[in-house]
Protein backbone atom coordinates (compact mmCIF):
# COMPACT_ATOMS: atom_id res chain seq x y z
CA UNK A 1 -1.91 40.86 -3.50
CA UNK A 2 0.77 40.76 -0.45
CA UNK A 3 0.83 37.13 -0.75
CA UNK A 4 1.40 37.66 -4.69
CA UNK A 5 4.14 39.82 -3.52
CA UNK A 6 5.42 37.38 -1.16
CA UNK A 7 5.52 34.54 -3.44
CA UNK A 8 7.05 36.41 -6.21
CA UNK A 9 9.99 37.64 -3.62
CA UNK A 10 10.24 34.01 -2.72
CA UNK A 11 10.56 32.62 -5.86
CA UNK A 12 13.34 35.29 -7.07
CA UNK A 13 15.37 34.38 -3.73
CA UNK A 14 15.37 30.73 -4.75
CA UNK A 15 16.40 31.68 -8.27
CA UNK A 16 19.65 33.39 -7.03
CA UNK A 17 20.40 30.47 -4.62
CA UNK A 18 19.77 28.31 -7.71
CA UNK A 19 22.43 30.61 -9.76
CA UNK A 20 24.97 29.84 -6.25
CA UNK A 21 24.59 26.39 -6.46
CA UNK A 22 24.35 25.49 -9.76
CA UNK A 23 27.92 25.09 -10.80
CA UNK A 24 28.66 23.73 -7.09
CA UNK A 25 29.77 19.93 -6.66
CA UNK A 26 28.03 17.35 -4.46
CA UNK A 27 31.83 16.42 -3.70
CA UNK A 28 32.52 19.78 -2.45
CA UNK A 29 29.35 20.16 -0.06
CA UNK A 30 30.14 16.95 1.60
CA UNK A 31 33.64 17.96 1.71
CA UNK A 32 33.06 21.36 3.54
CA UNK A 33 30.36 19.38 5.85
CA UNK A 34 31.30 16.21 7.13
CA UNK A 35 27.97 15.81 8.94
CA UNK A 36 26.09 16.84 5.68
CA UNK A 37 24.51 13.16 5.56
CA UNK A 38 23.23 12.93 8.99
CA UNK A 39 21.80 16.86 8.87
CA UNK A 40 19.79 15.94 5.30
CA UNK A 41 18.26 13.04 6.60
CA UNK A 42 14.61 13.04 8.33
CA UNK A 43 13.28 9.55 10.39
CA UNK A 44 9.41 9.26 10.33
CA UNK A 45 6.93 6.60 10.79
CA UNK A 46 9.51 3.84 9.81
CA UNK A 47 11.06 5.98 6.83
CA UNK A 48 14.70 7.20 6.75
CA UNK A 49 15.11 9.90 3.91
CA UNK A 50 18.45 11.09 3.33
CA UNK A 51 18.36 14.08 0.73
CA UNK A 52 21.86 14.76 1.11
CA UNK A 53 22.61 13.76 -2.59
CA UNK A 54 20.40 16.69 -3.51
CA UNK A 55 22.54 19.83 -4.91
CA UNK A 56 21.08 21.83 -1.75
CA UNK A 57 22.50 23.41 1.20
CA UNK A 58 21.21 25.17 4.50
CA UNK A 59 20.50 28.49 2.52
CA UNK A 60 18.75 27.14 -0.09
CA UNK A 61 16.54 24.68 2.14
CA UNK A 62 15.71 27.60 4.34
CA UNK A 63 14.24 29.74 1.23
CA UNK A 64 12.57 26.58 -0.14
CA UNK A 65 10.67 26.27 3.26
CA UNK A 66 9.91 30.14 2.75
CA UNK A 67 8.24 29.32 -0.57
CA UNK A 68 6.16 26.88 0.98
CA UNK A 69 4.93 29.43 3.45
CA UNK A 70 4.66 32.21 1.10
CA UNK A 71 2.48 29.63 -1.10
CA UNK A 72 0.34 28.56 2.00
CA UNK A 73 0.62 25.15 1.76
CA UNK A 74 -0.21 24.85 5.68
CA UNK A 75 -3.82 26.75 4.75
CA UNK A 76 -4.19 24.58 1.77
CA UNK A 77 -3.59 21.36 3.74
CA UNK A 78 -6.35 22.19 6.48
CA UNK A 79 -8.70 22.97 3.71
CA UNK A 80 -8.06 19.55 1.89
CA UNK A 81 -8.41 17.65 5.38
CA UNK A 82 -11.51 19.58 6.67
CA UNK A 83 -13.61 18.84 3.44
CA UNK A 84 -13.35 22.35 1.77
CA UNK A 85 -14.12 22.36 -2.26
CA UNK A 86 -10.20 22.15 -3.19
CA UNK A 87 -11.31 20.52 -6.16
CA UNK A 88 -12.32 23.84 -7.82
CA UNK A 89 -13.22 22.77 -11.45
CA UNK A 90 -15.85 20.13 -10.05
CA UNK A 91 -17.01 22.21 -6.91
CA UNK A 92 -16.18 19.35 -4.39
CA UNK A 93 -13.81 18.17 -1.91
CA UNK A 94 -10.97 15.48 -2.19
CA UNK A 95 -11.46 13.11 1.00
CA UNK A 96 -9.67 10.43 0.41
CA UNK A 97 -8.36 10.96 3.89
CA UNK A 98 -11.77 10.72 5.41
CA UNK A 99 -11.49 6.98 4.20
CA UNK A 100 -8.70 5.84 5.96
CA UNK A 101 -9.54 7.99 9.34
CA UNK A 102 -8.84 5.94 12.30
CA UNK A 103 -11.35 7.63 14.68
CA UNK A 104 -15.18 8.55 14.11
CA UNK A 105 -14.90 12.14 14.61
CA UNK A 106 -17.04 13.62 12.09
CA UNK A 107 -16.10 15.07 8.42
CA UNK A 108 -18.86 17.19 7.03
CA UNK A 109 -19.50 17.29 2.81
CA UNK A 110 -22.26 19.63 2.47
CA UNK A 111 -23.44 19.81 6.22
CA UNK A 112 -23.62 15.82 6.45
CA UNK A 113 -20.81 13.60 8.27
CA UNK A 114 -19.57 11.13 5.87
CA UNK A 115 -17.97 8.71 8.27
CA UNK A 116 -21.01 6.71 9.24
CA UNK A 117 -21.51 5.84 5.63
CA UNK A 118 -17.69 4.85 5.24
CA UNK A 119 -17.98 2.59 7.82
CA UNK A 120 -21.23 1.27 6.76
CA UNK A 121 -19.44 0.46 3.43
CA UNK A 122 -16.53 -1.05 5.15
CA UNK A 123 -18.81 -3.42 7.11
CA UNK A 124 -20.68 -4.49 3.58
CA UNK A 125 -17.28 -4.92 2.29
CA UNK A 126 -16.17 -7.20 5.08
CA UNK A 127 -19.35 -9.52 4.78
CA UNK A 128 -18.54 -9.96 1.07
CA UNK A 129 -15.04 -10.85 1.83
CA UNK A 130 -15.95 -13.29 4.88
CA UNK A 131 -18.50 -15.02 2.32
CA UNK A 132 -15.86 -15.64 -0.01
CA UNK A 133 -13.32 -16.87 2.51
CA UNK A 134 -15.58 -19.17 3.71
CA UNK A 135 -16.31 -20.61 0.34
CA UNK A 136 -19.87 -19.63 0.78
CA UNK A 137 -19.92 -17.96 -2.84
CA UNK A 138 -21.42 -20.37 -5.49
CA UNK A 139 -21.32 -19.95 -9.15
CA UNK A 140 -24.15 -20.90 -11.59
CA UNK A 141 -23.42 -24.81 -11.25
CA UNK A 142 -23.14 -24.64 -7.43
CA UNK A 143 -19.25 -25.07 -7.11
CA UNK A 144 -17.56 -22.51 -4.98
CA UNK A 145 -16.05 -19.41 -6.48
CA UNK A 146 -12.17 -20.48 -6.85
CA UNK A 147 -11.19 -17.27 -9.08
CA UNK A 148 -11.81 -13.50 -8.89
CA UNK A 149 -11.38 -10.99 -11.56
CA UNK A 150 -11.04 -7.53 -10.76
CA UNK A 151 -12.16 -5.29 -13.81
CA UNK A 152 -11.07 -1.63 -13.94
CA UNK A 153 -8.94 0.67 -15.57
CA UNK A 154 -6.56 3.65 -14.19
CA UNK A 155 -7.16 4.33 -10.61
CA UNK A 156 -9.56 1.87 -10.22
CA UNK A 157 -7.06 -0.79 -11.34
CA UNK A 158 -3.58 0.45 -10.66
CA UNK A 159 -3.88 1.03 -6.91
CA UNK A 160 -5.48 -2.41 -5.65
CA UNK A 161 -3.16 -4.23 -8.12
CA UNK A 162 -0.35 -2.26 -6.63
CA UNK A 163 -0.79 -3.42 -3.07
CA UNK A 164 -2.03 -6.95 -3.91
CA UNK A 165 1.15 -7.49 -5.94
CA UNK A 166 3.45 -5.71 -3.20
CA UNK A 167 2.11 -7.52 -0.35
CA UNK A 168 1.60 -11.37 -2.25
CA UNK A 169 3.49 -12.58 1.40
CA UNK A 170 0.71 -11.29 3.50
CA UNK A 171 -2.18 -13.06 2.01
CA UNK A 172 -4.73 -14.10 4.49
CA UNK A 173 -4.91 -17.85 5.32
CA UNK A 174 -8.46 -18.06 4.45
CA UNK A 175 -7.99 -16.15 1.04
CA UNK A 176 -8.17 -19.66 -1.29
CA UNK A 177 -9.22 -17.67 -4.28
CA UNK A 178 -7.01 -16.66 -7.36
CA UNK A 179 -7.05 -12.81 -7.80
CA UNK A 180 -6.72 -11.66 -11.66
CA UNK A 181 -6.81 -8.01 -12.81
CA UNK A 182 -7.66 -6.89 -16.10
CA UNK A 183 -7.93 -3.29 -17.43
CA UNK A 184 -6.59 -3.28 -21.14
CA UNK A 185 -9.42 -2.69 -23.64
CA UNK A 186 -7.99 -4.13 -26.66
CA UNK A 187 -9.34 -7.83 -25.49
CA UNK A 188 -6.07 -9.54 -25.33
CA UNK A 189 -5.67 -9.20 -21.71
CA UNK A 190 -9.11 -10.72 -20.88
CA UNK A 191 -8.84 -13.33 -23.38
CA UNK A 192 -5.54 -14.49 -21.95
CA UNK A 193 -7.25 -14.24 -18.18
CA UNK A 194 -10.40 -16.11 -19.01
CA UNK A 195 -8.87 -18.89 -21.16
CA UNK A 196 -6.88 -19.87 -17.52
CA UNK A 197 -10.53 -19.83 -15.92
CA UNK A 198 -13.62 -21.84 -15.14
CA UNK A 199 -16.67 -19.89 -16.02
CA UNK A 200 -18.49 -22.12 -13.33
CA UNK A 201 -16.20 -21.02 -10.43
CA UNK A 202 -15.24 -17.09 -11.48
CA UNK A 203 -16.54 -13.94 -9.90
CA UNK A 204 -16.01 -10.57 -11.67
CA UNK A 205 -15.83 -7.34 -9.80
CA UNK A 206 -16.75 -4.53 -11.82
CA UNK A 207 -15.24 -1.28 -10.81
CA UNK A 208 -15.71 2.11 -12.16
CA UNK A 209 -16.60 5.49 -10.63
CA UNK A 210 -19.56 6.62 -12.77
CA UNK A 211 -20.44 3.00 -14.29
CA UNK A 212 -19.97 4.51 -17.89
CA UNK A 213 -16.33 3.66 -18.21
CA UNK A 214 -16.16 2.32 -21.78
CA UNK A 215 -13.04 0.17 -20.83
CA UNK A 216 -14.58 -1.47 -18.16
CA UNK A 217 -17.84 -2.00 -19.07
CA UNK A 218 -16.87 -3.40 -22.49
CA UNK A 219 -14.81 -5.87 -20.54
CA UNK A 220 -17.40 -6.68 -18.40
CA UNK A 221 -20.11 -7.29 -21.28
CA UNK A 222 -17.42 -9.60 -22.52
CA UNK A 223 -17.14 -11.58 -19.43
CA UNK A 224 -20.91 -11.72 -19.40
CA UNK A 225 -20.90 -13.16 -22.67
CA UNK A 226 -18.56 -15.82 -21.82
CA UNK A 227 -20.36 -16.91 -18.87
CA UNK A 228 -23.68 -16.94 -21.04
CA UNK A 229 -21.86 -19.08 -23.59
CA UNK A 230 -20.43 -21.67 -21.17
CA UNK A 231 -23.83 -21.88 -18.88
CA UNK A 232 -26.52 -21.34 -21.44
CA UNK A 233 -28.42 -19.15 -18.69
CA UNK A 234 -30.01 -15.78 -18.83
CA UNK A 235 -27.81 -12.55 -18.16
CA UNK A 236 -29.98 -11.55 -15.19
CA UNK A 237 -29.32 -14.64 -13.46
CA UNK A 238 -25.54 -14.74 -14.34
CA UNK A 239 -25.19 -11.20 -13.11
CA UNK A 240 -26.79 -12.20 -9.89
CA UNK A 241 -24.36 -15.15 -9.02
CA UNK A 242 -20.95 -13.77 -10.86
CA UNK A 243 -20.84 -10.01 -10.48
CA UNK A 244 -20.29 -7.35 -7.90
CA UNK A 245 -20.19 -3.67 -8.95
CA UNK A 246 -18.19 -0.72 -7.20
CA UNK A 247 -19.38 2.62 -8.04
CA UNK A 248 -20.33 6.29 -6.97
CA UNK A 249 -23.46 5.75 -9.44
CA UNK A 250 -25.54 3.10 -7.59
CA UNK A 251 -28.72 3.96 -9.92
CA UNK A 252 -26.34 2.89 -13.36
CA UNK A 253 -25.00 -0.30 -11.41
CA UNK A 254 -28.97 -1.03 -10.81
CA UNK A 255 -29.90 -0.48 -14.42
CA UNK A 256 -26.58 -2.90 -15.42
CA UNK A 257 -28.35 -5.74 -13.37
CA UNK A 258 -26.06 -6.38 -10.40
CA UNK A 259 -28.31 -6.85 -7.19
CA UNK A 260 -28.06 -4.11 -4.49
CA UNK A 261 -26.63 -6.72 -2.04
CA UNK A 262 -23.86 -7.24 -4.26
CA UNK A 263 -22.97 -3.58 -4.84
CA UNK A 264 -20.30 -1.58 -2.96
CA UNK A 265 -20.35 2.48 -2.90
CA UNK A 266 -18.12 5.32 -2.74
CA UNK A 267 -18.68 8.86 -3.34
CA UNK A 268 -17.86 11.55 -5.99
CA UNK A 269 -15.61 13.30 -3.54
CA UNK A 270 -13.13 10.30 -4.12
CA UNK A 271 -10.78 10.63 -7.10
CA UNK A 272 -10.25 7.60 -9.12
CA UNK A 273 -6.26 7.89 -8.30
CA UNK A 274 -7.06 8.11 -4.94
CA UNK A 275 -9.67 5.53 -4.55
CA UNK A 276 -7.95 2.25 -3.67
CA UNK A 277 -8.63 3.44 0.41
CA UNK A 278 -12.25 3.16 -0.36
CA UNK A 279 -14.52 -0.06 -1.39
CA UNK A 280 -12.51 0.33 -4.77
CA UNK A 281 -9.69 -1.80 -2.76
CA UNK A 282 -12.17 -4.72 -2.30
CA UNK A 283 -9.82 -6.95 -3.76
CA UNK A 284 -6.88 -5.53 -1.51
CA UNK A 285 -9.01 -6.45 1.55
CA UNK A 286 -9.82 -10.01 0.04
CA UNK A 287 -6.04 -10.68 -0.37
CA UNK A 288 -4.99 -9.33 2.98
CA UNK A 289 -8.16 -9.95 5.00
CA UNK A 290 -10.31 -6.95 6.45
CA UNK A 291 -7.54 -6.99 9.10
CA UNK A 292 -4.88 -6.45 6.56
CA UNK A 293 -6.80 -3.82 4.65
CA UNK A 294 -7.20 -1.72 8.16
CA UNK A 295 -3.46 -2.06 8.53
CA UNK A 296 -2.80 -0.27 5.13
CA UNK A 297 -5.66 2.42 6.14
CA UNK A 298 -3.86 2.56 9.48
CA UNK A 299 -0.08 3.26 7.92
CA UNK A 300 -1.92 5.86 5.30
CA UNK A 301 -3.73 7.71 8.39
CA UNK A 302 -0.53 8.01 10.19
CA UNK A 303 1.19 9.78 7.19
CA UNK A 304 -2.10 11.97 6.94
CA UNK A 305 -1.39 13.26 10.46
CA UNK A 306 2.19 13.67 9.96
CA UNK A 307 1.61 15.75 7.05
CA UNK A 308 -1.16 17.76 8.42
CA UNK A 309 0.95 18.40 12.03
CA UNK A 310 4.72 17.68 11.50
CA UNK A 311 6.84 21.44 11.31
CA UNK A 312 7.77 22.06 7.76
CA UNK A 313 11.43 21.15 8.30
CA UNK A 314 10.45 17.51 9.43
CA UNK A 315 7.61 17.19 7.33
CA UNK A 316 8.68 14.19 4.63
CA UNK A 317 5.88 15.02 1.98
CA UNK A 318 6.48 18.61 2.10
CA UNK A 319 10.09 18.03 1.82
CA UNK A 320 10.10 15.83 -0.94
CA UNK A 321 7.67 18.23 -2.82
CA UNK A 322 10.27 21.20 -2.28
CA UNK A 323 13.13 18.52 -3.79
CA UNK A 324 10.80 18.11 -7.02
CA UNK A 325 10.17 21.83 -7.17
CA UNK A 326 14.13 22.60 -6.66
CA UNK A 327 15.29 20.03 -9.40
CA UNK A 328 12.34 21.02 -11.71
CA UNK A 329 11.97 24.74 -11.51
CA UNK A 330 15.22 25.89 -10.34
CA UNK A 331 17.71 23.76 -11.72
CA UNK A 332 16.11 23.02 -14.98
CA UNK A 333 15.72 18.97 -14.83
CA UNK A 334 12.57 17.76 -16.48
CA UNK A 335 12.40 13.86 -15.52
CA UNK A 336 11.96 12.23 -12.14
CA UNK A 337 13.20 8.47 -12.08
CA UNK A 338 11.46 6.10 -9.30
CA UNK A 339 13.90 3.35 -8.97
CA UNK A 340 12.66 0.69 -5.96
CA UNK A 341 15.33 -1.73 -5.11
CA UNK A 342 12.42 -4.32 -4.02
CA UNK A 343 10.89 -6.82 -6.58
CA UNK A 344 7.32 -6.35 -4.59
CA UNK A 345 7.50 -2.71 -5.48
CA UNK A 346 7.62 -3.38 -9.33
CA UNK A 347 4.44 -1.56 -10.04
CA UNK A 348 5.11 1.38 -8.05
CA UNK A 349 6.78 3.31 -10.87
CA UNK A 350 3.54 3.11 -13.05
CA UNK A 351 1.18 3.82 -9.87
CA UNK A 352 3.03 7.28 -9.08
CA UNK A 353 3.33 7.97 -12.97
CA UNK A 354 -0.24 8.07 -12.80
CA UNK A 355 -0.78 9.74 -9.35
CA UNK A 356 1.53 12.51 -10.49
CA UNK A 357 1.14 13.52 -14.29
CA UNK A 358 -2.80 12.84 -13.87
CA UNK A 359 -2.60 15.14 -11.05
CA UNK A 360 -0.37 17.65 -11.61
CA UNK A 361 -0.06 17.67 -15.60
CA UNK A 362 -1.79 21.20 -15.73
CA UNK A 363 -0.89 24.35 -17.86
CA UNK A 364 -3.38 26.45 -16.01
CA UNK A 365 -3.63 27.82 -12.77
CA UNK A 366 -6.68 27.26 -10.07
CA UNK A 367 -8.06 30.57 -11.35
CA UNK A 368 -7.99 29.60 -15.36
CA UNK A 369 -5.07 31.61 -16.14
CA UNK A 370 -2.21 30.16 -17.64
CA UNK A 371 0.64 28.90 -15.36
CA UNK A 372 3.95 30.91 -15.29
CA UNK A 373 5.98 27.90 -14.46
CA UNK A 374 6.74 24.22 -15.32
CA UNK A 375 4.16 21.74 -13.50
CA UNK A 376 4.58 18.08 -12.93
CA UNK A 377 7.96 16.42 -14.55
CA UNK A 378 7.93 13.32 -16.46
CA UNK A 379 8.07 10.41 -14.23
CA UNK A 380 8.81 6.94 -14.91
CA UNK A 381 10.62 3.96 -13.61
CA UNK A 382 11.59 0.42 -12.84
CA UNK A 383 12.93 -1.91 -10.36
CA UNK A 384 16.36 -0.65 -9.52
CA UNK A 385 18.23 -4.17 -10.33
CA UNK A 386 16.48 -4.48 -13.60
CA UNK A 387 16.80 -0.81 -14.55
CA UNK A 388 20.87 -0.92 -14.01
CA UNK A 389 21.40 -3.34 -16.95
CA UNK A 390 18.67 -0.86 -18.83
CA UNK A 391 18.30 2.81 -18.81
CA UNK A 392 20.91 3.87 -15.93
CA UNK A 393 23.69 4.17 -18.57
CA UNK A 394 20.92 7.63 -19.60
CA UNK A 395 20.97 8.28 -15.47
CA UNK A 396 24.95 8.55 -15.41
CA UNK A 397 26.34 9.74 -18.67
CA UNK A 398 23.42 11.17 -20.74
CA UNK A 399 22.91 14.82 -21.58
CA UNK A 400 19.96 15.32 -19.56
CA UNK A 401 19.95 15.75 -15.79
CA UNK A 402 17.18 13.29 -13.96
CA UNK A 403 16.48 12.93 -10.21
CA UNK A 404 16.09 9.73 -8.70
CA UNK A 405 14.49 8.52 -5.79
CA UNK A 406 15.80 5.09 -4.47
CA UNK A 407 12.94 3.30 -2.52
CA UNK A 408 13.97 0.06 -0.60
CA UNK A 409 13.29 -1.73 2.67
CA UNK A 410 16.23 -2.54 4.93
CA UNK A 411 14.72 -5.73 6.26
CA UNK A 412 13.08 -8.52 3.45
CA UNK A 413 12.08 -11.43 6.27
CA UNK A 414 9.13 -12.44 4.27
CA UNK A 415 11.13 -13.54 1.72
CA UNK A 416 10.84 -17.60 1.82
CA UNK A 417 14.68 -18.04 1.23
CA UNK A 418 17.50 -19.66 3.46
CA UNK A 419 20.02 -17.13 2.47
CA UNK A 420 17.61 -14.04 2.38
CA UNK A 421 20.19 -11.95 4.54
CA UNK A 422 22.92 -12.14 1.52
CA UNK A 423 20.05 -11.40 -0.91
CA UNK A 424 19.43 -8.10 0.66
CA UNK A 425 23.03 -7.17 1.42
CA UNK A 426 23.72 -7.41 -1.98
CA UNK A 427 20.40 -5.67 -2.87
CA UNK A 428 21.09 -2.59 -0.45
CA UNK A 429 24.73 -2.33 -1.52
CA UNK A 430 23.48 -1.91 -5.13
CA UNK A 431 20.94 0.63 -4.09
CA UNK A 432 23.64 2.71 -1.94
CA UNK A 433 26.16 2.08 -4.96
CA UNK A 434 23.94 3.71 -7.43
CA UNK A 435 23.01 6.77 -5.27
CA UNK A 436 27.16 7.05 -4.72
CA UNK A 437 28.07 7.12 -8.62
CA UNK A 438 25.08 9.46 -9.50
CA UNK A 439 26.40 11.93 -6.91
CA UNK A 440 30.03 11.79 -7.26
CA UNK A 441 30.67 10.14 -10.43
CA UNK A 442 34.50 9.08 -11.23
CA UNK A 443 37.44 10.34 -13.28
CA UNK A 444 39.26 8.33 -15.80
CA UNK A 445 41.44 9.29 -18.85
CA UNK A 446 39.30 7.76 -21.57
CA UNK A 447 36.44 10.03 -22.00
CA UNK A 448 33.85 6.88 -22.44
CA UNK A 449 34.39 5.77 -19.06
CA UNK A 450 34.02 9.13 -17.53
CA UNK A 451 31.11 9.44 -15.20
CA UNK A 452 30.66 13.26 -14.31
CA UNK A 453 28.60 12.79 -11.26
CA UNK A 454 26.43 15.47 -9.43
CA UNK A 455 23.40 13.71 -10.72
CA UNK A 456 20.79 14.20 -7.49
CA UNK A 457 18.93 11.38 -5.70
CA UNK A 458 17.01 11.13 -2.72
CA UNK A 459 17.38 7.47 -0.91
CA UNK A 460 13.98 6.58 0.93
CA UNK A 461 14.62 3.27 3.24
CA UNK A 462 11.72 1.64 4.96
CA UNK A 463 12.40 -0.76 8.29
CA UNK A 464 10.47 -3.18 6.26
CA UNK A 465 7.75 -3.52 4.00
CA UNK A 466 4.02 -4.47 5.48
CA UNK A 467 0.44 -3.34 4.89
CA UNK A 468 0.91 -0.25 7.53
CA UNK A 469 4.29 0.57 5.77
CA UNK A 470 3.03 0.40 2.24
CA UNK A 471 0.12 2.46 3.19
CA UNK A 472 2.17 5.17 4.80
CA UNK A 473 4.30 5.26 1.41
CA UNK A 474 1.37 5.58 -0.77
CA UNK A 475 0.20 8.68 1.21
CA UNK A 476 3.63 9.97 1.77
CA UNK A 477 3.68 10.60 -2.39
CA UNK A 478 -0.25 11.57 -2.41
CA UNK A 479 0.76 14.42 0.16
CA UNK A 480 3.99 15.10 -1.67
CA UNK A 481 1.79 15.73 -4.89
CA UNK A 482 -0.59 17.74 -3.05
CA UNK A 483 2.04 20.11 -1.83
CA UNK A 484 3.58 20.22 -5.25
CA UNK A 485 0.29 21.42 -6.77
CA UNK A 486 -0.15 24.07 -4.15
CA UNK A 487 3.06 25.66 -4.70
CA UNK A 488 2.51 25.62 -8.28
CA UNK A 489 -1.15 27.08 -7.69
CA UNK A 490 -3.01 24.41 -9.69
CA UNK A 491 -6.03 21.86 -9.27
CA UNK A 492 -4.20 18.05 -8.37
CA UNK A 493 -7.78 16.62 -8.19
CA UNK A 494 -9.37 17.07 -11.65
CA UNK A 495 -8.39 15.29 -14.96
CA UNK A 496 -10.02 17.20 -18.02
CA UNK A 497 -6.90 16.24 -20.21
CA UNK A 498 -8.08 12.86 -20.55
CA UNK A 499 -11.83 13.68 -21.67
CA UNK A 500 -11.14 14.91 -25.47
CA UNK A 501 -9.62 11.49 -26.54
CA UNK A 502 -12.51 9.56 -24.79
CA UNK A 503 -14.91 11.93 -26.82
CA UNK A 504 -13.39 11.50 -30.17
CA UNK A 505 -12.99 7.74 -29.72
CA UNK A 506 -16.71 7.32 -29.31
CA UNK A 507 -17.18 9.54 -32.49
CA UNK A 508 -14.46 7.22 -34.16
CA UNK A 509 -15.90 3.97 -33.21
CA UNK A 510 -19.19 4.86 -34.89
CA UNK A 511 -17.07 5.52 -38.28
CA UNK A 512 -15.45 2.37 -37.85
CA UNK A 513 -18.69 0.55 -37.52
CA UNK A 514 -19.76 1.87 -41.04
CA UNK A 515 -19.26 -0.62 -44.04
CA UNK A 516 -18.64 1.81 -46.36
CA UNK A 517 -15.29 4.06 -47.15
CA UNK A 518 -15.40 7.95 -46.69
CA UNK A 519 -15.26 10.54 -43.87
CA UNK A 520 -15.79 14.23 -43.87
CA UNK A 521 -12.11 14.30 -41.78
CA UNK A 522 -9.25 14.33 -44.41
CA UNK A 523 -6.99 13.56 -41.31
CA UNK A 524 -8.65 10.33 -40.60
CA UNK A 525 -9.97 9.45 -44.22
CA UNK A 526 -6.94 7.10 -45.43
CA UNK A 527 -6.86 5.63 -41.91
CA UNK A 528 -10.11 4.47 -41.56
CA UNK A 529 -10.43 3.21 -45.06
CA UNK A 530 -7.40 1.27 -44.47
CA UNK A 531 -8.72 0.01 -41.51
CA UNK A 532 -12.14 -1.00 -42.80
CA UNK A 533 -10.12 -3.07 -45.87
CA UNK A 534 -8.23 -5.14 -43.66
CA UNK A 535 -11.06 -5.65 -41.22
CA UNK A 536 -12.96 -7.09 -44.13
CA UNK A 537 -10.85 -9.40 -45.46
């Protein structure tokens, strides 16, 4: 009761602060405080985070930090790291942090230390990676594997694909295979990928936590059929030679027919959208080598330590979470744009959209009662230089206020261009210019050319992009999502909202297999009958 009272009081104080600041301008805040840009910036772990262009001042920030204290973010954070069952609807921990822990200090789940099992799976993954790097994995014709296709969906696809795409320039010198990702169920993505590959030299990595995911297993079955047609060999032999299985359900991988020495394991306490740190990151390890994969883990582990130990006023994930709460719950903005000014991070907005909206898109609190405030905002984005010529019109002059994260690396030495610094100066100038234009706007006698300004944004600069820094960046947003969830009193580690559509799809697939028209559901009968007619022609 005392905690609820303190929390309610903290929200009420913040509502008063929001009313006080709602009609202030960022221009006025900077004009009255020449040191504002430096005071509302934080540096840690190779990041420079400038949130001075948020409509916030010292008093508002003080009360936001008080809200985090009243919500006991610190206590919830410790429960996360120590293996408490923080995923309350499934009664299990969410220990993705243990996957990247850099020491062998025990982490207990149901009284068992999970670190030795994690290390064993990392070693097994390293052996499979080394075998491919050495050209020792042979397909059915005896030729070495030249291409690896990662079959997954959602978290088991987006995370590995993002990291590999972002770190193309860090490819391990012994990684001589092409790496491909297929997630879509419609068949088109798989067909286009297979059309470019040779079945004799293609290896498939089937990644599914339960090994029952329809999307992934359908694509795996089609890949197997492709191999059967090309080779004339029995399925069992092809599964032995051309498949790796990654799952938390070893018995189902066994049933599917992938041999035990080609299986990698992770655990039920690893959420899909947090799974790239596990053996689900096999494609990352293949691309970067185990040394590069370890650097990725180390960067994330450094951010784990920062989130766990840094003072609240210096804590980057907590501050980003409080900025979200301020904009969304107190200033009434309902959309958040992530705008990386780095082509290597092109997939980051899509990855973060899943991370945030699947985690915090909830309408009930941890105890099952309805939420009393908005939870996750709509998140989307695009690389900034591309988006400038697309939807920035809405950001600058639209009727909705949308807060933005501008993300970029100061150095881009990895680009193989003789004039890379000129490119990067232009890129950085555009990034900073957009933040300035959003914040301060510009008056003009023609209303069509007037920029209202007062549009909030945060600038997140990395010294440079590397496996270590990318690991830290992804962990930064993971922990921001966690801190936001604690403040909203929701469970960020389940995703029951995706299950109903899957169940209905299974029922409708049975309906579509019927040759005759007719269904008991009047809302679907005309649609199903039309589809059957077209499919019969």
